[in-house]
Amino acid sequence: MEGLGIDPKILIGDIVTFVVLVAILKKYAYKSFLAVLETRRKKIEEGVAKSEQAEQSLANIRSLSEKIKTAGEKKAKELILAAEFRAQEKAKAILAAADEERRKVVADAEIAMEKERVQAKERQQKEALDLAFAVSGKFLAEKITKDQDKKIIERLAVGLK
């Protein structure tokens, strides 16, 4: 071994030093090192467990959010349908009121037309009476012959047509 440049005394000293170092490390540092590793392993396990809980909570929140969204959409549709129904009811009421108003206006117009017709008829009758009195007055004022009587009757007949 000397040809390789290895001194057996130094090699034995290095081996002894290594064994003593391992024994000291095992007695004092190895346990604390294992404790640190064990603590680290527990923290990692807790982190993984918390991560899984967070994922589960997130999934629950997403599910709840979807349920709330669906319920909100359903409620919105119900509100829209209710509003449409109320709008249709109001439209029906407005149309009914407008129809009633139209009937009133037509009835009032018919009454006004009837009054106007009655008044026109009364005016015609009055005018006819006035005309009859005027004609009678003329006849009575003059002496009428048969020819004149015939002509007057013809003129009155033509005027009445």
Protein backbone atom coordinates (compact mmCIF):
# COMPACT_ATOMS: atom_id res chain seq x y z
CA MET A 1 0.00 0.00 0.00
CA GLU A 2 2.89 2.18 0.43
CA GLY A 3 3.35 2.06 -3.33
CA LEU A 4 -0.05 3.67 -3.73
CA GLY A 5 0.84 6.40 -1.27
CA ILE A 6 -1.43 5.17 1.49
CA ASP A 7 0.07 5.05 4.96
CA PRO A 8 -1.56 2.26 7.04
CA LYS A 9 -1.09 4.18 10.33
CA ILE A 10 -2.87 7.25 8.94
CA LEU A 11 -5.59 5.01 7.48
CA ILE A 12 -6.18 3.36 10.86
CA GLY A 13 -6.18 6.80 12.54
CA ASP A 14 -8.71 8.08 10.01
CA ILE A 15 -10.92 4.99 10.56
CA VAL A 16 -10.75 5.40 14.34
CA THR A 17 -11.50 9.11 14.04
CA PHE A 18 -14.48 8.32 11.76
CA VAL A 19 -15.86 5.71 14.16
CA VAL A 20 -15.47 8.09 17.14
CA LEU A 21 -17.14 10.88 15.13
CA VAL A 22 -20.02 8.57 14.14
CA ALA A 23 -20.45 7.46 17.78
CA ILE A 24 -20.50 11.08 19.02
CA LEU A 25 -22.88 12.16 16.26
CA LYS A 26 -25.11 9.14 16.95
CA LYS A 27 -25.25 9.88 20.66
CA TYR A 28 -25.77 13.67 20.46
CA ALA A 29 -26.67 14.88 16.96
CA TYR A 30 -28.47 11.92 15.38
CA LYS A 31 -31.43 11.98 17.82
CA SER A 32 -31.93 15.72 17.47
CA PHE A 33 -31.51 15.40 13.68
CA LEU A 34 -34.16 12.62 13.64
CA ALA A 35 -36.41 14.80 15.86
CA VAL A 36 -36.06 17.69 13.40
CA LEU A 37 -36.83 15.32 10.51
CA GLU A 38 -39.84 13.92 12.40
CA THR A 39 -41.13 17.45 13.14
CA ARG A 40 -40.65 18.37 9.50
CA ARG A 41 -42.52 15.22 8.38
CA LYS A 42 -45.46 16.05 10.72
CA LYS A 43 -45.61 19.61 9.43
CA ILE A 44 -45.64 18.34 5.85
CA GLU A 45 -48.42 15.87 6.69
CA GLU A 46 -50.42 18.65 8.38
CA GLY A 47 -49.89 20.88 5.34
CA VAL A 48 -51.10 18.11 3.02
CA ALA A 49 -54.12 17.47 5.27
CA LYS A 50 -54.94 21.21 5.37
CA SER A 51 -54.53 21.39 1.61
CA GLU A 52 -56.97 18.51 1.18
CA GLN A 53 -59.40 20.22 3.59
CA ALA A 54 -59.03 23.46 1.65
CA GLU A 55 -59.73 21.63 -1.62
CA GLN A 56 -62.78 19.98 -0.04
CA SER A 57 -63.97 23.35 1.30
CA LEU A 58 -63.41 24.91 -2.11
CA ALA A 59 -65.42 22.13 -3.74
CA ASN A 60 -68.20 22.67 -1.16
CA ILE A 61 -68.12 26.41 -1.78
CA ARG A 62 -68.30 25.87 -5.53
CA SER A 63 -71.22 23.49 -5.09
CA LEU A 64 -72.99 25.94 -2.77
CA SER A 65 -72.26 28.77 -5.18
CA GLU A 66 -73.78 26.78 -8.03
CA LYS A 67 -76.85 26.02 -5.90
CA ILE A 68 -77.23 29.69 -4.99
CA LYS A 69 -76.79 30.70 -8.62
CA THR A 70 -79.42 28.18 -9.73
CA ALA A 71 -81.80 29.34 -6.98
CA GLY A 72 -81.19 32.97 -7.94
CA GLU A 73 -81.90 32.25 -11.60
CA LYS A 74 -85.06 30.39 -10.62
CA LYS A 75 -86.16 33.28 -8.40
CA ALA A 76 -85.39 35.77 -11.18
CA LYS A 77 -87.48 33.74 -13.63
CA GLU A 78 -90.33 33.62 -11.12
CA LEU A 79 -90.12 37.38 -10.61
CA ILE A 80 -90.09 37.95 -14.37
CA LEU A 81 -93.13 35.71 -14.84
CA ALA A 82 -94.94 37.47 -11.99
CA ALA A 83 -94.11 40.87 -13.48
CA GLU A 84 -95.29 39.74 -16.91
CA PHE A 85 -98.53 38.45 -15.38
CA ARG A 86 -99.08 41.75 -13.54
CA ALA A 87 -98.33 43.66 -16.74
CA GLN A 88 -100.85 41.56 -18.67
CA GLU A 89 -103.45 42.11 -15.95
CA LYS A 90 -102.83 45.86 -16.03
CA ALA A 91 -103.03 45.83 -19.83
CA LYS A 92 -106.36 44.00 -19.62
CA ALA A 93 -107.63 46.50 -17.06
CA ILE A 94 -106.50 49.44 -19.20
CA LEU A 95 -108.12 47.93 -22.30
CA ALA A 96 -111.33 47.30 -20.37
CA ALA A 97 -111.34 50.89 -19.08
CA ALA A 98 -110.66 52.20 -22.60
CA ASP A 99 -113.46 50.03 -23.99
CA GLU A 100 -115.81 51.31 -21.29
CA GLU A 101 -114.79 54.90 -22.07
CA ARG A 102 -115.37 54.25 -25.78
CA ARG A 103 -118.84 52.88 -25.02
CA LYS A 104 -119.59 55.95 -22.91
CA VAL A 105 -118.45 58.30 -25.65
CA VAL A 106 -120.51 56.41 -28.25
CA ALA A 107 -123.56 56.43 -25.95
CA ASP A 108 -123.12 60.15 -25.27
CA ALA A 109 -122.74 60.81 -29.00
CA GLU A 110 -125.90 58.79 -29.73
CA ILE A 111 -127.80 60.75 -27.07
CA ALA A 112 -126.51 64.03 -28.51
CA MET A 113 -127.49 62.91 -32.03
CA GLU A 114 -130.96 61.94 -30.82
CA LYS A 115 -131.38 65.34 -29.11
CA GLU A 116 -130.19 67.08 -32.26
CA ARG A 117 -132.59 65.00 -34.37
CA VAL A 118 -135.49 65.81 -32.03
CA GLN A 119 -134.59 69.51 -32.09
CA ALA A 120 -134.30 69.45 -35.89
CA LYS A 121 -137.69 67.75 -36.12
CA GLU A 122 -139.20 70.33 -33.78
CA ARG A 123 -137.67 73.16 -35.86
CA GLN A 124 -139.07 71.55 -39.02
CA GLN A 125 -142.50 71.25 -37.46
CA LYS A 126 -142.38 74.83 -36.26
CA GLU A 127 -141.23 76.02 -39.67
CA ALA A 128 -143.98 73.94 -41.31
CA LEU A 129 -146.56 75.46 -38.96
CA ASP A 130 -145.23 78.95 -39.59
CA LEU A 131 -145.35 78.28 -43.31
CA ALA A 132 -148.87 76.86 -43.03
CA PHE A 133 -149.99 79.92 -41.07
CA ALA A 134 -148.37 82.22 -43.61
CA VAL A 135 -149.98 80.39 -46.50
CA SER A 136 -153.33 80.33 -44.68
CA GLY A 137 -153.01 84.03 -44.02
CA LYS A 138 -152.38 84.69 -47.69
CA PHE A 139 -155.30 82.53 -48.72
CA LEU A 140 -157.56 84.21 -46.32
CA ALA A 141 -156.37 87.63 -47.41
CA GLU A 142 -157.14 86.98 -51.06
CA LYS A 143 -159.96 85.41 -52.77
CA ILE A 144 -158.71 82.32 -54.46
CA THR A 145 -160.02 80.79 -57.59
CA LYS A 146 -159.95 77.15 -58.44
CA ASP A 147 -156.99 77.63 -60.79
CA GLN A 148 -155.04 79.50 -58.19
CA ASP A 149 -155.86 76.84 -55.61
CA LYS A 150 -154.58 74.16 -57.96
CA LYS A 151 -151.34 76.05 -58.62
CA ILE A 152 -150.70 76.59 -54.90
CA ILE A 153 -151.31 72.94 -54.14
CA GLU A 154 -148.91 71.93 -56.92
CA ARG A 155 -146.24 74.33 -55.64
CA LEU A 156 -146.65 73.02 -52.09
CA ALA A 157 -146.50 69.44 -53.31
CA VAL A 158 -143.29 70.17 -55.27
CA GLY A 159 -141.79 71.97 -52.25
CA LEU A 160 -142.49 69.05 -49.90
CA LYS A 161 -140.79 66.54 -52.14
